[in-house]
């Protein structure tokens, strides 16, 4: 799966071509991100173009999916089957698409909050949940299991958010069953998007508290909606950058994954 080097390259050559330092090249070789270098009689490492391509692919994949996923994917591409490596790359594309869809659903929920003047908009609250097979368009409430499935989180995560005053269920039955109405569902979508963007619980709580003071309410400023919209816009921009990085890795990955031909 890896073409033969056309000419020997020194560690410094590979570092210069890939944009990494000499020590980083050695570290990534040790981690299996690039094939092991051959050793000359004097012990010096000898690399080839395949090492440069692997490092370039790793850099782009690390931007798209994080260094841990990128390391595993490159190691799989170099040592595993073509089918398994292609499936792993496809999974990164799917994850990025899911992240974008969730951010867009959070934006729709925020738009409903911004325009809310009387009662909650059930249709907007449930937008995007039907794909999980747990909600219907005419449903008024979701259980904790249904909401967790729709958001792609654990039920324990929703309970933790509840303890922190975030995404509080609108009703808890005598059997401790939690029920989330349209307003709580919208809030949960926004909390999930903010957490996915890397914001800690205190920062998310500040935004949520501001969102609960709807524009036009007594004492309300609407600053929470503006901040949440900026965060979600940045989230979508970050996902777009990651998607472009994944595309950039494509050419180098194609060379690494292409079966050798006589």
C-alpha atoms as a PDB file:
ATOM      1  CA  UNK A   1       0.000   0.000   0.000  1.00  0.00           C
ATOM      2  CA  UNK A   2       3.031   2.267   0.173  1.00  0.00           C
ATOM      3  CA  UNK A   3       5.083   3.103  -2.921  1.00  0.00           C
ATOM      4  CA  UNK A   4       8.812   2.733  -2.878  1.00  0.00           C
ATOM      5  CA  UNK A   5      10.837   5.876  -2.328  1.00  0.00           C
ATOM      6  CA  UNK A   6      12.379   7.216  -5.529  1.00  0.00           C
ATOM      7  CA  UNK A   7      15.320   8.701  -3.662  1.00  0.00           C
ATOM      8  CA  UNK A   8      16.522   8.639  -0.065  1.00  0.00           C
ATOM      9  CA  UNK A   9      15.569  11.594   2.136  1.00  0.00           C
ATOM     10  CA  UNK A  10      17.174  12.622   5.400  1.00  0.00           C
ATOM     11  CA  UNK A  11      15.106  13.382   8.484  1.00  0.00           C
ATOM     12  CA  UNK A  12      15.757  17.080   7.909  1.00  0.00           C
ATOM     13  CA  UNK A  13      14.474  16.756   4.324  1.00  0.00           C
ATOM     14  CA  UNK A  14      11.223  15.144   5.451  1.00  0.00           C
ATOM     15  CA  UNK A  15      10.795  17.771   8.171  1.00  0.00           C
ATOM     16  CA  UNK A  16      11.250  20.592   5.674  1.00  0.00           C
ATOM     17  CA  UNK A  17       8.830  19.085   3.133  1.00  0.00           C
ATOM     18  CA  UNK A  18       6.120  18.239   5.685  1.00  0.00           C
ATOM     19  CA  UNK A  19       6.342  21.308   7.913  1.00  0.00           C
ATOM     20  CA  UNK A  20       7.182  19.324  11.040  1.00  0.00           C
ATOM     21  CA  UNK A  21      10.328  19.538  13.134  1.00  0.00           C
ATOM     22  CA  UNK A  22      12.961  16.807  13.044  1.00  0.00           C
ATOM     23  CA  UNK A  23      11.917  15.630  16.505  1.00  0.00           C
ATOM     24  CA  UNK A  24       8.239  15.556  15.502  1.00  0.00           C
ATOM     25  CA  UNK A  25       9.083  13.396  12.487  1.00  0.00           C
ATOM     26  CA  UNK A  26      10.850  10.923  14.758  1.00  0.00           C
ATOM     27  CA  UNK A  27       8.018  10.962  17.286  1.00  0.00           C
ATOM     28  CA  UNK A  28       5.364  10.362  14.628  1.00  0.00           C
ATOM     29  CA  UNK A  29       7.418   7.529  13.176  1.00  0.00           C
ATOM     30  CA  UNK A  30       7.560   5.966  16.637  1.00  0.00           C
ATOM     31  CA  UNK A  31       3.777   6.278  16.934  1.00  0.00           C
ATOM     32  CA  UNK A  32       3.255   4.499  13.610  1.00  0.00           C
ATOM     33  CA  UNK A  33       1.879   7.538  11.793  1.00  0.00           C
ATOM     34  CA  UNK A  34       4.484   7.055   9.053  1.00  0.00           C
ATOM     35  CA  UNK A  35       6.227   3.863   7.941  1.00  0.00           C
ATOM     36  CA  UNK A  36       9.423   2.978   9.730  1.00  0.00           C
ATOM     37  CA  UNK A  37      12.475   4.488   8.058  1.00  0.00           C
ATOM     38  CA  UNK A  38      15.159   2.237   6.688  1.00  0.00           C
ATOM     39  CA  UNK A  39      18.531   2.403   8.380  1.00  0.00           C
ATOM     40  CA  UNK A  40      21.834   2.858   6.620  1.00  0.00           C
ATOM     41  CA  UNK A  41      24.965   1.050   7.749  1.00  0.00           C
ATOM     42  CA  UNK A  42      25.933   4.101   9.790  1.00  0.00           C
ATOM     43  CA  UNK A  43      22.541   4.078  11.579  1.00  0.00           C
ATOM     44  CA  UNK A  44      21.103   7.149   9.870  1.00  0.00           C
ATOM     45  CA  UNK A  45      17.431   7.091   8.911  1.00  0.00           C
ATOM     46  CA  UNK A  46      16.474   7.032   5.246  1.00  0.00           C
ATOM     47  CA  UNK A  47      13.016   8.219   4.159  1.00  0.00           C
ATOM     48  CA  UNK A  48      11.130   8.580   0.906  1.00  0.00           C
ATOM     49  CA  UNK A  49       8.217  10.538  -0.626  1.00  0.00           C
ATOM     50  CA  UNK A  50       5.709   8.182   1.038  1.00  0.00           C
ATOM     51  CA  UNK A  51       6.780   9.516   4.436  1.00  0.00           C
ATOM     52  CA  UNK A  52       6.169  13.094   3.336  1.00  0.00           C
ATOM     53  CA  UNK A  53       2.707  12.187   2.003  1.00  0.00           C
ATOM     54  CA  UNK A  54       1.831  10.379   5.231  1.00  0.00           C
ATOM     55  CA  UNK A  55       2.869  13.380   7.334  1.00  0.00           C
ATOM     56  CA  UNK A  56       0.891  15.785   5.165  1.00  0.00           C
ATOM     57  CA  UNK A  57      -2.149  13.532   5.401  1.00  0.00           C
ATOM     58  CA  UNK A  58      -1.729  13.330   9.167  1.00  0.00           C
ATOM     59  CA  UNK A  59      -1.542  17.116   9.524  1.00  0.00           C
ATOM     60  CA  UNK A  60      -4.804  17.577   7.608  1.00  0.00           C
ATOM     61  CA  UNK A  61      -6.541  14.689   9.381  1.00  0.00           C
ATOM     62  CA  UNK A  62      -5.478  16.030  12.779  1.00  0.00           C
ATOM     63  CA  UNK A  63      -7.133  19.338  11.864  1.00  0.00           C
ATOM     64  CA  UNK A  64     -10.272  17.543  10.703  1.00  0.00           C
ATOM     65  CA  UNK A  65     -10.725  14.933  13.428  1.00  0.00           C
ATOM     66  CA  UNK A  66      -8.117  15.504  16.127  1.00  0.00           C
ATOM     67  CA  UNK A  67      -4.648  13.970  16.589  1.00  0.00           C
ATOM     68  CA  UNK A  68      -5.837  10.767  18.294  1.00  0.00           C
ATOM     69  CA  UNK A  69      -8.210   9.839  15.465  1.00  0.00           C
ATOM     70  CA  UNK A  70      -5.631  10.894  12.874  1.00  0.00           C
ATOM     71  CA  UNK A  71      -2.936   8.687  14.408  1.00  0.00           C
ATOM     72  CA  UNK A  72      -5.227   5.673  14.445  1.00  0.00           C
ATOM     73  CA  UNK A  73      -6.403   6.271  10.903  1.00  0.00           C
ATOM     74  CA  UNK A  74      -2.897   6.653   9.468  1.00  0.00           C
ATOM     75  CA  UNK A  75      -1.677   3.558  11.291  1.00  0.00           C
ATOM     76  CA  UNK A  76      -4.646   1.649   9.879  1.00  0.00           C
ATOM     77  CA  UNK A  77      -4.025   2.982   6.379  1.00  0.00           C
ATOM     78  CA  UNK A  78      -0.418   1.808   6.482  1.00  0.00           C
ATOM     79  CA  UNK A  79      -0.926  -1.606   8.063  1.00  0.00           C
ATOM     80  CA  UNK A  80      -4.580  -2.583   7.655  1.00  0.00           C
ATOM     81  CA  UNK A  81      -6.817  -3.447   4.736  1.00  0.00           C
ATOM     82  CA  UNK A  82      -7.945  -0.952   2.122  1.00  0.00           C
ATOM     83  CA  UNK A  83     -11.608  -1.530   3.051  1.00  0.00           C
ATOM     84  CA  UNK A  84     -11.056  -0.851   6.757  1.00  0.00           C
ATOM     85  CA  UNK A  85      -9.031   2.298   6.110  1.00  0.00           C
ATOM     86  CA  UNK A  86     -11.627   3.631   3.649  1.00  0.00           C
ATOM     87  CA  UNK A  87     -14.393   2.942   6.177  1.00  0.00           C
ATOM     88  CA  UNK A  88     -12.486   4.862   8.856  1.00  0.00           C
ATOM     89  CA  UNK A  89     -12.120   7.862   6.549  1.00  0.00           C
ATOM     90  CA  UNK A  90     -15.822   7.672   5.706  1.00  0.00           C
ATOM     91  CA  UNK A  91     -16.630   7.746   9.419  1.00  0.00           C
ATOM     92  CA  UNK A  92     -14.806  11.076   9.751  1.00  0.00           C
ATOM     93  CA  UNK A  93     -16.953  12.521   6.952  1.00  0.00           C
ATOM     94  CA  UNK A  94     -20.105  11.217   8.669  1.00  0.00           C
ATOM     95  CA  UNK A  95     -19.069  12.700  12.019  1.00  0.00           C
ATOM     96  CA  UNK A  96     -18.461  16.111  10.472  1.00  0.00           C
ATOM     97  CA  UNK A  97     -21.838  16.001   8.738  1.00  0.00           C
ATOM     98  CA  UNK A  98     -23.533  15.071  12.028  1.00  0.00           C
ATOM     99  CA  UNK A  99     -21.772  17.921  13.857  1.00  0.00           C
ATOM    100  CA  UNK A 100     -22.942  20.380  11.209  1.00  0.00           C
ATOM    101  CA  UNK A 101     -26.529  19.092  11.329  1.00  0.00           C
ATOM    102  CA  UNK A 102     -26.637  19.440  15.110  1.00  0.00           C
ATOM    103  CA  UNK A 103     -25.289  22.989  14.971  1.00  0.00           C
ATOM    104  CA  UNK A 104     -27.933  23.887  12.376  1.00  0.00           C
ATOM    105  CA  UNK A 105     -30.670  22.386  14.563  1.00  0.00           C
ATOM    106  CA  UNK A 106     -29.384  24.437  17.486  1.00  0.00           C
ATOM    107  CA  UNK A 107     -29.561  27.528  15.292  1.00  0.00           C
ATOM    108  CA  UNK A 108     -33.179  26.677  14.435  1.00  0.00           C
ATOM    109  CA  UNK A 109     -33.956  26.306  18.134  1.00  0.00           C
ATOM    110  CA  UNK A 110     -32.316  29.657  18.846  1.00  0.00           C
ATOM    111  CA  UNK A 111     -34.315  31.296  16.061  1.00  0.00           C
ATOM    112  CA  UNK A 112     -37.499  29.979  17.684  1.00  0.00           C
ATOM    113  CA  UNK A 113     -36.452  31.465  21.024  1.00  0.00           C
ATOM    114  CA  UNK A 114     -35.639  34.824  19.429  1.00  0.00           C
ATOM    115  CA  UNK A 115     -39.014  34.978  17.738  1.00  0.00           C
ATOM    116  CA  UNK A 116     -41.034  33.532  20.585  1.00  0.00           C
ATOM    117  CA  UNK A 117     -43.664  35.906  21.901  1.00  0.00           C
ATOM    118  CA  UNK A 118     -46.460  33.677  23.183  1.00  0.00           C
ATOM    119  CA  UNK A 119     -46.283  29.906  23.212  1.00  0.00           C
ATOM    120  CA  UNK A 120     -43.416  27.560  22.199  1.00  0.00           C
ATOM    121  CA  UNK A 121     -43.182  26.345  18.615  1.00  0.00           C
ATOM    122  CA  UNK A 122     -43.412  22.561  18.840  1.00  0.00           C
ATOM    123  CA  UNK A 123     -42.547  21.986  15.184  1.00  0.00           C
ATOM    124  CA  UNK A 124     -39.258  23.891  15.451  1.00  0.00           C
ATOM    125  CA  UNK A 125     -38.396  22.213  18.723  1.00  0.00           C
ATOM    126  CA  UNK A 126     -38.629  18.785  17.157  1.00  0.00           C
ATOM    127  CA  UNK A 127     -36.885  19.648  13.902  1.00  0.00           C
ATOM    128  CA  UNK A 128     -34.300  16.998  13.121  1.00  0.00           C
ATOM    129  CA  UNK A 129     -35.351  14.522  15.831  1.00  0.00           C
ATOM    130  CA  UNK A 130     -37.371  12.187  13.606  1.00  0.00           C
ATOM    131  CA  UNK A 131     -34.187  10.690  12.113  1.00  0.00           C
ATOM    132  CA  UNK A 132     -33.420   9.126  15.484  1.00  0.00           C
ATOM    133  CA  UNK A 133     -36.662   7.157  15.360  1.00  0.00           C
ATOM    134  CA  UNK A 134     -37.678   8.426  18.789  1.00  0.00           C
ATOM    135  CA  UNK A 135     -39.965  11.379  18.124  1.00  0.00           C
ATOM    136  CA  UNK A 136     -42.972  12.190  15.986  1.00  0.00           C
ATOM    137  CA  UNK A 137     -43.812  15.504  14.387  1.00  0.00           C
ATOM    138  CA  UNK A 138     -47.010  15.799  16.438  1.00  0.00           C
ATOM    139  CA  UNK A 139     -45.415  14.894  19.787  1.00  0.00           C
ATOM    140  CA  UNK A 140     -45.506  17.467  22.595  1.00  0.00           C
ATOM    141  CA  UNK A 141     -42.977  15.859  24.907  1.00  0.00           C
ATOM    142  CA  UNK A 142     -39.841  13.721  24.778  1.00  0.00           C
ATOM    143  CA  UNK A 143     -38.629  11.337  27.453  1.00  0.00           C
ATOM    144  CA  UNK A 144     -35.047  11.587  28.640  1.00  0.00           C
ATOM    145  CA  UNK A 145     -34.157   8.530  26.541  1.00  0.00           C
ATOM    146  CA  UNK A 146     -35.695  10.051  23.416  1.00  0.00           C
ATOM    147  CA  UNK A 147     -34.019  13.413  23.925  1.00  0.00           C
ATOM    148  CA  UNK A 148     -30.637  11.804  24.602  1.00  0.00           C
ATOM    149  CA  UNK A 149     -30.945   9.787  21.375  1.00  0.00           C
ATOM    150  CA  UNK A 150     -31.933  12.885  19.388  1.00  0.00           C
ATOM    151  CA  UNK A 151     -28.936  14.845  20.728  1.00  0.00           C
ATOM    152  CA  UNK A 152     -26.454  11.969  20.553  1.00  0.00           C
ATOM    153  CA  UNK A 153     -25.605  12.153  24.272  1.00  0.00           C
ATOM    154  CA  UNK A 154     -26.084   9.840  27.246  1.00  0.00           C
ATOM    155  CA  UNK A 155     -29.051  10.093  29.573  1.00  0.00           C
ATOM    156  CA  UNK A 156     -26.530  10.626  32.384  1.00  0.00           C
ATOM    157  CA  UNK A 157     -25.333  13.744  30.530  1.00  0.00           C
ATOM    158  CA  UNK A 158     -28.853  15.162  30.513  1.00  0.00           C
ATOM    159  CA  UNK A 159     -29.182  14.426  34.235  1.00  0.00           C
ATOM    160  CA  UNK A 160     -25.894  16.222  34.871  1.00  0.00           C
ATOM    161  CA  UNK A 161     -27.073  19.227  32.885  1.00  0.00           C
ATOM    162  CA  UNK A 162     -30.255  19.209  34.935  1.00  0.00           C
ATOM    163  CA  UNK A 163     -28.223  19.251  38.168  1.00  0.00           C
ATOM    164  CA  UNK A 164     -26.332  22.250  36.788  1.00  0.00           C
ATOM    165  CA  UNK A 165     -29.579  24.076  35.992  1.00  0.00           C
ATOM    166  CA  UNK A 166     -29.356  23.464  32.245  1.00  0.00           C
ATOM    167  CA  UNK A 167     -32.016  21.831  30.043  1.00  0.00           C
ATOM    168  CA  UNK A 168     -34.322  21.221  32.989  1.00  0.00           C
ATOM    169  CA  UNK A 169     -37.255  18.870  32.251  1.00  0.00           C
ATOM    170  CA  UNK A 170     -40.637  20.497  32.398  1.00  0.00           C
ATOM    171  CA  UNK A 171     -42.075  17.653  34.432  1.00  0.00           C
ATOM    172  CA  UNK A 172     -40.789  14.797  36.594  1.00  0.00           C
ATOM    173  CA  UNK A 173     -43.432  12.179  37.336  1.00  0.00           C
ATOM    174  CA  UNK A 174     -43.913  10.392  40.622  1.00  0.00           C
ATOM    175  CA  UNK A 175     -41.881   7.532  39.108  1.00  0.00           C
ATOM    176  CA  UNK A 176     -38.990   9.962  38.462  1.00  0.00           C
ATOM    177  CA  UNK A 177     -39.618   9.862  34.694  1.00  0.00           C
ATOM    178  CA  UNK A 178     -38.459  13.093  33.076  1.00  0.00           C
ATOM    179  CA  UNK A 179     -40.516  14.760  30.370  1.00  0.00           C
ATOM    180  CA  UNK A 180     -39.153  17.512  28.127  1.00  0.00           C
ATOM    181  CA  UNK A 181     -41.517  19.913  26.379  1.00  0.00           C
ATOM    182  CA  UNK A 182     -40.699  22.083  23.327  1.00  0.00           C
ATOM    183  CA  UNK A 183     -38.977  24.868  25.297  1.00  0.00           C
ATOM    184  CA  UNK A 184     -36.782  22.397  27.216  1.00  0.00           C
ATOM    185  CA  UNK A 185     -35.910  20.579  23.986  1.00  0.00           C
ATOM    186  CA  UNK A 186     -34.793  23.810  22.336  1.00  0.00           C
ATOM    187  CA  UNK A 187     -32.676  24.682  25.352  1.00  0.00           C
ATOM    188  CA  UNK A 188     -31.125  21.198  25.372  1.00  0.00           C
ATOM    189  CA  UNK A 189     -30.176  21.541  21.696  1.00  0.00           C
ATOM    190  CA  UNK A 190     -28.436  24.843  22.371  1.00  0.00           C
ATOM    191  CA  UNK A 191     -26.645  23.458  25.445  1.00  0.00           C
ATOM    192  CA  UNK A 192     -25.438  20.464  23.400  1.00  0.00           C
ATOM    193  CA  UNK A 193     -24.113  22.737  20.655  1.00  0.00           C
ATOM    194  CA  UNK A 194     -22.333  25.027  23.110  1.00  0.00           C
ATOM    195  CA  UNK A 195     -20.734  22.081  24.897  1.00  0.00           C
ATOM    196  CA  UNK A 196     -19.630  20.622  21.535  1.00  0.00           C
ATOM    197  CA  UNK A 197     -17.984  23.966  20.795  1.00  0.00           C
ATOM    198  CA  UNK A 198     -15.787  23.510  23.867  1.00  0.00           C
ATOM    199  CA  UNK A 199     -17.566  25.821  26.291  1.00  0.00           C
ATOM    200  CA  UNK A 200     -17.487  24.856  29.957  1.00  0.00           C
ATOM    201  CA  UNK A 201     -20.552  24.527  32.152  1.00  0.00           C
ATOM    202  CA  UNK A 202     -20.211  28.016  33.773  1.00  0.00           C
ATOM    203  CA  UNK A 203     -20.018  29.728  30.362  1.00  0.00           C
ATOM    204  CA  UNK A 204     -22.958  27.703  29.028  1.00  0.00           C
ATOM    205  CA  UNK A 205     -24.967  28.526  32.147  1.00  0.00           C
ATOM    206  CA  UNK A 206     -24.375  32.248  31.594  1.00  0.00           C
ATOM    207  CA  UNK A 207     -25.711  32.002  28.055  1.00  0.00           C
ATOM    208  CA  UNK A 208     -28.713  29.890  29.062  1.00  0.00           C
ATOM    209  CA  UNK A 209     -29.667  32.269  31.881  1.00  0.00           C
ATOM    210  CA  UNK A 210     -29.602  35.133  29.379  1.00  0.00           C
ATOM    211  CA  UNK A 211     -31.673  33.125  26.895  1.00  0.00           C
ATOM    212  CA  UNK A 212     -34.338  32.589  29.507  1.00  0.00           C
ATOM    213  CA  UNK A 213     -34.747  36.361  29.640  1.00  0.00           C
ATOM    214  CA  UNK A 214     -36.394  36.493  26.258  1.00  0.00           C
ATOM    215  CA  UNK A 215     -36.204  39.709  24.214  1.00  0.00           C
ATOM    216  CA  UNK A 216     -39.013  41.975  25.279  1.00  0.00           C
ATOM    217  CA  UNK A 217     -39.343  40.444  28.732  1.00  0.00           C
ATOM    218  CA  UNK A 218     -39.078  42.706  31.758  1.00  0.00           C
ATOM    219  CA  UNK A 219     -35.389  43.168  32.496  1.00  0.00           C
ATOM    220  CA  UNK A 220     -34.426  41.101  29.467  1.00  0.00           C
ATOM    221  CA  UNK A 221     -31.643  42.313  27.199  1.00  0.00           C
ATOM    222  CA  UNK A 222     -31.470  39.583  24.553  1.00  0.00           C
ATOM    223  CA  UNK A 223     -27.678  39.490  24.980  1.00  0.00           C
ATOM    224  CA  UNK A 224     -27.793  35.722  25.501  1.00  0.00           C
ATOM    225  CA  UNK A 225     -29.321  35.084  22.102  1.00  0.00           C
ATOM    226  CA  UNK A 226     -26.709  37.278  20.410  1.00  0.00           C
ATOM    227  CA  UNK A 227     -23.871  35.488  22.175  1.00  0.00           C
ATOM    228  CA  UNK A 228     -25.310  32.047  21.441  1.00  0.00           C
ATOM    229  CA  UNK A 229     -25.754  32.940  17.768  1.00  0.00           C
ATOM    230  CA  UNK A 230     -22.122  34.087  17.547  1.00  0.00           C
ATOM    231  CA  UNK A 231     -20.973  30.841  19.160  1.00  0.00           C
ATOM    232  CA  UNK A 232     -23.049  28.727  16.796  1.00  0.00           C
ATOM    233  CA  UNK A 233     -21.798  30.720  13.791  1.00  0.00           C
ATOM    234  CA  UNK A 234     -18.215  30.104  14.925  1.00  0.00           C
ATOM    235  CA  UNK A 235     -19.035  26.424  15.419  1.00  0.00           C
ATOM    236  CA  UNK A 236     -20.234  26.121  11.814  1.00  0.00           C
ATOM    237  CA  UNK A 237     -17.137  27.978  10.582  1.00  0.00           C
ATOM    238  CA  UNK A 238     -14.906  25.564  12.521  1.00  0.00           C
ATOM    239  CA  UNK A 239     -16.720  22.566  11.041  1.00  0.00           C
ATOM    240  CA  UNK A 240     -16.255  24.030   7.549  1.00  0.00           C
ATOM    241  CA  UNK A 241     -12.509  24.429   8.177  1.00  0.00           C
ATOM    242  CA  UNK A 242     -12.317  20.815   9.362  1.00  0.00           C
ATOM    243  CA  UNK A 243     -14.205  19.631   6.272  1.00  0.00           C
ATOM    244  CA  UNK A 244     -11.787  21.470   3.973  1.00  0.00           C
ATOM    245  CA  UNK A 245      -8.843  19.948   5.878  1.00  0.00           C
ATOM    246  CA  UNK A 246     -10.311  16.491   5.313  1.00  0.00           C
ATOM    247  CA  UNK A 247     -10.595  17.201   1.595  1.00  0.00           C
ATOM    248  CA  UNK A 248      -6.994  18.439   1.592  1.00  0.00           C
ATOM    249  CA  UNK A 249      -5.890  15.112   3.064  1.00  0.00           C
ATOM    250  CA  UNK A 250      -7.674  13.278   0.260  1.00  0.00           C
ATOM    251  CA  UNK A 251      -4.948  13.320  -2.368  1.00  0.00           C
ATOM    252  CA  UNK A 252      -2.227  12.121  -0.003  1.00  0.00           C
ATOM    253  CA  UNK A 253      -4.526   9.503   1.525  1.00  0.00           C
ATOM    254  CA  UNK A 254      -5.471   8.247  -1.942  1.00  0.00           C
ATOM    255  CA  UNK A 255      -1.795   7.646  -2.702  1.00  0.00           C
ATOM    256  CA  UNK A 256      -1.307   5.859   0.607  1.00  0.00           C
ATOM    257  CA  UNK A 257      -4.394   3.673   0.194  1.00  0.00           C
ATOM    258  CA  UNK A 258      -4.015   2.874  -3.527  1.00  0.00           C
ATOM    259  CA  UNK A 259      -3.076  -0.751  -4.065  1.00  0.00           C
ATOM    260  CA  UNK A 260       0.301  -1.191  -5.693  1.00  0.00           C
ATOM    261  CA  UNK A 261       0.233  -2.127  -9.386  1.00  0.00           C
ATOM    262  CA  UNK A 262       2.892  -3.935 -11.369  1.00  0.00           C
END
